[in-house]
Every structure is written in C-alpha cells, then in structure tokens.
Amino acid sequence: MVKKFIFAVLLFVATGTVFAANTGLFPQIPGWKMQEEDRVYTSGDLWELIDGAADIFLSYYFQDLHIAEYSRKGLIIRVELYKHSSLTNAYGIYAAERMPDYPQVPVGSQGYKSQGVLNFMAGVYYVKIMSAGTQEADENTLALVAEKVDLQLAQPKSLPEEINLLPEEGRVVLSDSYIAQNFLGYSFLRSAFSARYGAQGEIQVFLIRDTQEEILKMLDKYKALVKEEKVRQKEGYLIVDDPYNGTVFLMPKGDLLVGVLNTTDENTAVDYLKKVVEKAR
C-alpha cells in the first residue's frame, strides 16, 4: 500500500496531472450509463484541452475541470464542469461566451443553447453540455441532463448583485458582462461590471466595486497614466481624455467607481453615472 502511494505521488510530480475517483459531482440518470473521466484538468494543464481558449478561463481564476459522459442507445452526451474561484468569476466566463442571440434556457442561474449544446452557470461552476456522439441529441434530452446536473451541484441560483446596480432602462438585452482583469487594457483597473445602452448599444456603462482606498488608488494611477492635463474635474465627477478609449466619464462614490464610455454627450453620461450611484444607496 505504501509503495502504491509513493508511486502515485511520484506520478503526479512527474506529470502534473491530477486524477480523481468518483467525485459525486455528476448525477446518475436512469436509463443512462455515466462514465466520469479520471483526469482532472487544472490551471496548469487546461491548455492541453482548450489550447486557444485557456487564457480567458485562467483570467477568471479557473480552478479545475471535471468531465463525464452519458451514453444510451448510440447517444453520447458530454458534460464539462469548469469550477472557478467565485460565483462572480464563473459568471464572467459564462457571460464572455454567451451570445445575445442564443435562446435562453431556465436552468441554473442562467443558461443558453445552440445546436447540440446547452451551457449554463451554476454558482461557482460554468457547465457545458454537448452532444458528443455520431447521433445528435435533441434539445429535450440535453435539457434533461442539464436539469439533473444542476440539481446535483446544488448551487445558489443568483447572479452577482452588482449587475442589479446597472440601469435596467435602455439596457441592451444580455449585454451585461464582467471583466476580472485589465479592464480597458489597464492592469490597475479590475473587477469591472458593465452593460451597453443606446440605440445601437454603443454606450457602455461600467462599475468597479472595491474599498474606497483602492478606488482612489485606481484613480491616481489612471490620472498619472493619461497625464493631469487630460483630466477635467467637475462637481462630483471627472472627464478623462483617454488616448486609447476616448472620452471616459468617471464618478467615484465610496466603494464604487462608476464610468461611461463611447459618448461625448456630457448630460447623457452624467445621467447614467447618477442612476448607478442612486441604485447603490
């Protein structure tokens, strides 16, 4: 027994590969054979499975990926459970891959479907369910598996509360998103929620929530980067002539930094800023 344990440890050290027994993450579904993969992907080897997309998953603090397949009469359905460090980060990667024109499905906190695919967010998990055999599973079958997986995970059915601070009136449907790192291309701007507004969805409203001290630090770094002469101080808000992002309207308020992009209409921008701040009271 000791020798087997030592061998397993040496194998892990040599390959960096994680193996797991039955985790209890996947439900047994009557009439279906379930086979859970032994291998568990982590941040160190996710690129082996999704090479081109691994970086964006890692930017949302991906932790591990468990995979199982369900088979029955020639049908194969693959279930992938991407676990992230928090509900907010799971929402971030889910929203990054969600397309506004995908039909929504009532599973988890929010879900969508396309041909042969049903994906949803459930707490700290981003769940991907897909038809994987030569015979394509129909929508009802995918929905059945999704419902069972959702029940097994038993995660809270909620989105990040910051989404509710963004104005609902005029918001482009399913335009809400979360950027965990490098918002607007700046390393000091992080954890930003945003949504789009306007006739063509051209206006972007965003908010960053952190301690008041951190919010002020972000502002100081931003001012230093764009130079003081590019920042106009108004009563309660700032207008920044950003060389990379155009005119940026900002309103710091306690633990919030609220901003508006892609409009030069000051009245419109200030109206959005005030609406977010008022909802946060």
Protein backbone atom coordinates (compact mmCIF):
# COMPACT_ATOMS: atom_id res chain seq x y z
CA MET A 1 0.00 0.00 0.00
CA VAL A 2 2.84 2.40 0.90
CA LYS A 3 4.64 1.63 -2.37
CA LYS A 4 1.47 2.32 -4.36
CA PHE A 5 1.01 5.64 -2.59
CA ILE A 6 4.60 6.69 -3.25
CA PHE A 7 4.25 5.72 -6.90
CA ALA A 8 1.08 7.82 -7.22
CA VAL A 9 2.80 10.83 -5.67
CA LEU A 10 5.80 10.45 -7.98
CA LEU A 11 3.49 10.14 -10.98
CA PHE A 12 1.72 13.37 -10.01
CA VAL A 13 5.01 15.22 -9.54
CA ALA A 14 6.36 13.96 -12.86
CA THR A 15 3.30 14.72 -14.98
CA GLY A 16 1.45 17.47 -13.14
CA THR A 17 -1.72 15.53 -13.90
CA VAL A 18 -4.49 15.20 -11.34
CA PHE A 19 -6.55 12.03 -11.13
CA ALA A 20 -9.75 11.66 -9.15
CA ALA A 21 -12.11 8.91 -8.16
CA ASN A 22 -15.87 9.37 -8.37
CA THR A 23 -16.37 12.92 -7.11
CA GLY A 24 -20.13 12.92 -6.66
CA LEU A 25 -20.39 15.96 -8.93
CA PHE A 26 -22.27 14.06 -11.64
CA PRO A 27 -25.74 12.54 -11.10
CA GLN A 28 -26.78 9.06 -12.04
CA ILE A 29 -29.59 9.34 -14.60
CA PRO A 30 -31.96 6.37 -15.04
CA GLY A 31 -31.51 4.71 -18.42
CA TRP A 32 -28.11 6.27 -18.98
CA LYS A 33 -24.60 4.95 -18.35
CA MET A 34 -22.38 7.58 -16.74
CA GLN A 35 -18.60 7.45 -17.01
CA GLU A 36 -16.60 10.10 -15.18
CA GLU A 37 -13.12 10.78 -16.51
CA ASP A 38 -10.31 10.07 -14.06
CA ARG A 39 -8.30 13.05 -15.21
CA VAL A 40 -8.99 16.45 -13.67
CA TYR A 41 -7.69 19.49 -15.55
CA THR A 42 -6.25 22.37 -13.54
CA SER A 43 -4.81 25.80 -14.34
CA GLY A 44 -1.50 24.11 -15.15
CA ASP A 45 -2.76 21.91 -17.98
CA LEU A 46 -6.11 23.31 -19.19
CA TRP A 47 -4.38 24.39 -22.41
CA GLU A 48 -3.99 20.72 -23.34
CA LEU A 49 -7.76 20.50 -23.75
CA ILE A 50 -8.70 24.00 -24.94
CA ASP A 51 -5.42 25.46 -26.13
CA GLY A 52 -6.70 28.66 -27.74
CA ALA A 53 -9.28 29.44 -25.06
CA ALA A 54 -7.37 28.54 -21.90
CA ASP A 55 -6.09 32.06 -21.24
CA ILE A 56 -9.53 33.60 -20.92
CA PHE A 57 -10.63 30.86 -18.50
CA LEU A 58 -7.50 31.45 -16.42
CA SER A 59 -8.18 35.19 -16.34
CA TYR A 60 -11.37 34.33 -14.43
CA TYR A 61 -9.43 32.31 -11.85
CA PHE A 62 -10.28 28.85 -13.15
CA GLN A 63 -9.63 26.11 -10.58
CA ASP A 64 -10.42 22.73 -12.10
CA LEU A 65 -12.40 20.89 -14.76
CA HIS A 66 -14.22 17.59 -14.28
CA ILE A 67 -15.68 15.74 -17.27
CA ALA A 68 -18.20 12.92 -17.63
CA GLU A 69 -20.04 11.26 -20.50
CA TYR A 70 -23.55 9.83 -20.52
CA SER A 71 -24.37 7.18 -23.11
CA ARG A 72 -27.57 5.42 -24.19
CA LYS A 73 -28.53 3.67 -27.44
CA GLY A 74 -25.91 5.37 -29.58
CA LEU A 75 -26.31 8.76 -27.93
CA ILE A 76 -23.34 10.28 -26.09
CA ILE A 77 -23.64 13.47 -24.06
CA ARG A 78 -20.53 15.10 -22.66
CA VAL A 79 -20.70 17.23 -19.51
CA GLU A 80 -17.87 19.60 -18.56
CA LEU A 81 -17.80 21.31 -15.15
CA TYR A 82 -15.48 24.32 -15.08
CA LYS A 83 -15.04 25.42 -11.49
CA HIS A 84 -13.93 28.98 -10.77
CA SER A 85 -12.86 30.73 -7.58
CA SER A 86 -16.17 32.54 -7.05
CA LEU A 87 -19.69 32.99 -8.37
CA THR A 88 -18.59 36.30 -9.91
CA ASN A 89 -15.76 34.72 -11.87
CA ALA A 90 -17.97 31.86 -13.07
CA TYR A 91 -20.45 34.49 -14.25
CA GLY A 92 -17.62 36.33 -16.01
CA ILE A 93 -16.53 33.42 -18.19
CA TYR A 94 -20.14 32.38 -18.81
CA ALA A 95 -21.08 35.90 -19.97
CA ALA A 96 -17.95 36.11 -22.11
CA GLU A 97 -19.05 33.07 -24.13
CA ARG A 98 -22.79 33.79 -24.13
CA MET A 99 -24.14 35.37 -27.31
CA PRO A 100 -27.17 37.69 -27.12
CA ASP A 101 -28.97 35.87 -29.94
CA TYR A 102 -28.68 32.45 -28.28
CA PRO A 103 -32.04 31.24 -26.89
CA GLN A 104 -32.14 31.29 -23.10
CA VAL A 105 -32.97 28.20 -21.04
CA PRO A 106 -34.35 28.06 -17.47
CA VAL A 107 -31.57 26.12 -15.77
CA GLY A 108 -29.01 27.17 -13.16
CA SER A 109 -28.67 30.89 -12.59
CA GLN A 110 -28.85 31.48 -16.33
CA GLY A 111 -28.31 29.35 -19.41
CA TYR A 112 -28.34 29.34 -23.21
CA LYS A 113 -28.48 26.81 -26.01
CA SER A 114 -27.40 26.40 -29.59
CA GLN A 115 -27.37 23.38 -31.90
CA GLY A 116 -26.20 20.35 -29.95
CA VAL A 117 -25.08 22.49 -26.99
CA LEU A 118 -26.57 23.69 -23.71
CA ASN A 119 -24.41 25.78 -21.36
CA PHE A 120 -25.30 27.36 -18.04
CA MET A 121 -23.89 28.99 -14.94
CA ALA A 122 -24.50 27.45 -11.52
CA GLY A 123 -22.79 29.12 -8.56
CA VAL A 124 -19.02 28.70 -8.98
CA TYR A 125 -19.48 26.40 -11.99
CA TYR A 126 -19.71 27.10 -15.70
CA VAL A 127 -21.36 23.97 -17.10
CA LYS A 128 -21.07 22.86 -20.72
CA ILE A 129 -23.28 20.07 -22.03
CA MET A 130 -22.94 18.87 -25.60
CA SER A 131 -23.93 16.08 -27.92
CA ALA A 132 -20.73 14.11 -28.48
CA GLY A 133 -21.75 11.02 -30.46
CA THR A 134 -22.42 10.39 -34.13
CA GLN A 135 -26.13 10.76 -33.39
CA GLU A 136 -27.07 14.26 -32.20
CA ALA A 137 -29.12 14.52 -29.02
CA ASP A 138 -32.27 16.63 -29.23
CA GLU A 139 -32.94 19.72 -27.12
CA ASN A 140 -35.19 17.91 -24.66
CA THR A 141 -32.52 15.31 -23.93
CA LEU A 142 -29.86 17.96 -23.34
CA ALA A 143 -32.29 19.85 -21.11
CA LEU A 144 -32.97 16.70 -19.06
CA VAL A 145 -29.26 16.14 -18.43
CA ALA A 146 -28.77 19.82 -17.62
CA GLU A 147 -31.57 19.75 -15.05
CA LYS A 148 -30.12 16.68 -13.32
CA VAL A 149 -26.61 18.14 -13.25
CA ASP A 150 -27.93 21.42 -11.86
CA LEU A 151 -29.77 19.59 -9.07
CA GLN A 152 -26.67 17.56 -8.24
CA LEU A 153 -24.44 20.64 -7.97
CA ALA A 154 -26.99 22.33 -5.66
CA GLN A 155 -25.55 25.80 -6.24
CA PRO A 156 -27.27 29.12 -5.45
CA LYS A 157 -29.37 30.47 -8.32
CA SER A 158 -28.12 34.03 -8.46
CA LEU A 159 -26.05 36.44 -10.49
CA PRO A 160 -23.59 38.93 -8.97
CA GLU A 161 -25.55 41.64 -7.15
CA GLU A 162 -23.57 44.38 -8.94
CA ILE A 163 -25.46 43.60 -12.15
CA ASN A 164 -28.59 44.98 -10.48
CA LEU A 165 -26.86 48.34 -9.95
CA LEU A 166 -26.61 48.91 -13.70
CA PRO A 167 -29.68 50.77 -15.03
CA GLU A 168 -32.33 48.49 -16.45
CA GLU A 169 -33.99 51.11 -18.64
CA GLY A 170 -32.46 51.10 -22.10
CA ARG A 171 -30.07 48.25 -21.35
CA VAL A 172 -29.34 46.07 -24.35
CA VAL A 173 -30.61 42.56 -23.60
CA LEU A 174 -27.87 40.23 -22.33
CA SER A 175 -25.17 42.87 -22.80
CA ASP A 176 -24.06 42.64 -19.16
CA SER A 177 -20.57 41.32 -18.54
CA TYR A 178 -17.73 41.13 -16.03
CA ILE A 179 -14.04 41.70 -16.69
CA ALA A 180 -11.85 40.37 -13.88
CA GLN A 181 -8.52 41.77 -15.08
CA ASN A 182 -7.09 44.51 -17.30
CA PHE A 183 -10.29 46.45 -17.83
CA LEU A 184 -9.87 48.95 -20.71
CA GLY A 185 -6.43 47.45 -21.15
CA TYR A 186 -5.09 48.74 -17.79
CA SER A 187 -3.73 46.35 -15.17
CA PHE A 188 -4.79 48.66 -12.32
CA LEU A 189 -8.46 48.54 -13.39
CA ARG A 190 -10.05 45.25 -12.41
CA SER A 191 -13.31 43.59 -11.36
CA ALA A 192 -15.48 45.69 -13.68
CA PHE A 193 -19.15 45.03 -14.39
CA SER A 194 -20.62 46.63 -17.49
CA ALA A 195 -23.59 46.75 -19.83
CA ARG A 196 -24.45 48.50 -23.09
CA TYR A 197 -27.05 51.18 -23.82
CA GLY A 198 -28.21 53.40 -26.67
CA ALA A 199 -29.99 52.70 -29.94
CA GLN A 200 -27.08 50.65 -31.27
CA GLY A 201 -25.67 49.53 -27.93
CA GLU A 202 -22.83 51.96 -28.44
CA ILE A 203 -22.73 53.39 -24.90
CA GLN A 204 -21.01 51.34 -22.21
CA VAL A 205 -21.74 51.88 -18.52
CA PHE A 206 -19.45 50.19 -16.02
CA LEU A 207 -18.81 49.98 -12.30
CA ILE A 208 -15.96 48.74 -10.16
CA ARG A 209 -16.57 47.89 -6.51
CA ASP A 210 -13.67 47.82 -4.05
CA THR A 211 -12.63 49.58 -0.87
CA GLN A 212 -12.66 53.36 -1.03
CA GLU A 213 -8.88 53.33 -0.61
CA GLU A 214 -8.41 51.02 -3.60
CA ILE A 215 -10.81 53.07 -5.72
CA LEU A 216 -8.76 56.21 -5.05
CA LYS A 217 -5.55 54.34 -5.89
CA MET A 218 -7.02 53.27 -9.23
CA LEU A 219 -7.96 56.87 -9.99
CA ASP A 220 -4.50 58.15 -9.07
CA LYS A 221 -2.83 55.59 -11.36
CA TYR A 222 -5.24 56.44 -14.16
CA LYS A 223 -4.54 60.19 -13.84
CA ALA A 224 -0.81 59.59 -13.80
CA LEU A 225 -1.03 57.45 -16.93
CA VAL A 226 -3.09 59.84 -19.06
CA LYS A 227 -1.43 62.97 -17.58
CA GLU A 228 -3.18 65.52 -15.38
CA GLU A 229 -3.94 67.91 -18.26
CA LYS A 230 -6.14 65.22 -19.81
CA VAL A 231 -8.37 65.06 -16.73
CA ARG A 232 -11.10 67.63 -16.16
CA GLN A 233 -12.53 67.78 -12.66
CA LYS A 234 -16.23 68.57 -12.46
CA GLU A 235 -18.55 68.69 -9.47
CA GLY A 236 -18.72 65.07 -8.34
CA TYR A 237 -17.26 63.52 -11.49
CA LEU A 238 -14.30 63.58 -13.88
CA ILE A 239 -13.91 63.67 -17.65
CA VAL A 240 -10.82 61.87 -18.93
CA ASP A 241 -9.44 62.21 -22.44
CA ASP A 242 -8.09 58.68 -22.68
CA PRO A 243 -5.73 58.24 -25.66
CA TYR A 244 -6.84 54.61 -26.12
CA ASN A 245 -10.50 54.63 -25.04
CA GLY A 246 -11.72 58.09 -25.98
CA THR A 247 -13.71 60.23 -23.58
CA VAL A 248 -14.30 58.49 -20.25
CA PHE A 249 -16.69 59.88 -17.64
CA LEU A 250 -15.98 58.76 -14.06
CA MET A 251 -17.75 59.19 -10.75
CA PRO A 252 -16.09 57.82 -7.58
CA LYS A 253 -18.53 57.28 -4.73
CA GLY A 254 -17.43 55.40 -1.62
CA ASP A 255 -16.64 51.83 -2.60
CA LEU A 256 -17.76 52.38 -6.21
CA LEU A 257 -16.12 53.75 -9.32
CA VAL A 258 -18.77 54.30 -12.00
CA GLY A 259 -17.92 55.10 -15.60
CA VAL A 260 -19.39 55.76 -19.03
CA LEU A 261 -17.69 55.17 -22.39
CA ASN A 262 -18.43 55.80 -26.06
CA THR A 263 -20.38 59.05 -25.78
CA THR A 264 -19.31 62.68 -25.81
CA ASP A 265 -22.69 63.88 -24.55
CA GLU A 266 -21.92 65.00 -21.02
CA ASN A 267 -25.56 65.21 -19.92
CA THR A 268 -26.25 61.66 -21.06
CA ALA A 269 -23.13 60.34 -19.37
CA VAL A 270 -23.79 62.11 -16.08
CA ASP A 271 -27.37 60.80 -16.08
CA TYR A 272 -26.06 57.22 -16.28
CA LEU A 273 -23.48 57.88 -13.57
CA LYS A 274 -26.10 59.22 -11.18
CA LYS A 275 -28.51 56.36 -11.84
CA VAL A 276 -25.91 53.78 -10.79
CA VAL A 277 -24.90 55.72 -7.68
CA GLU A 278 -28.54 56.20 -6.65
CA LYS A 279 -29.27 52.46 -7.02
CA ALA A 280 -26.26 51.67 -4.83
CA ARG A 281 -27.55 53.71 -1.88
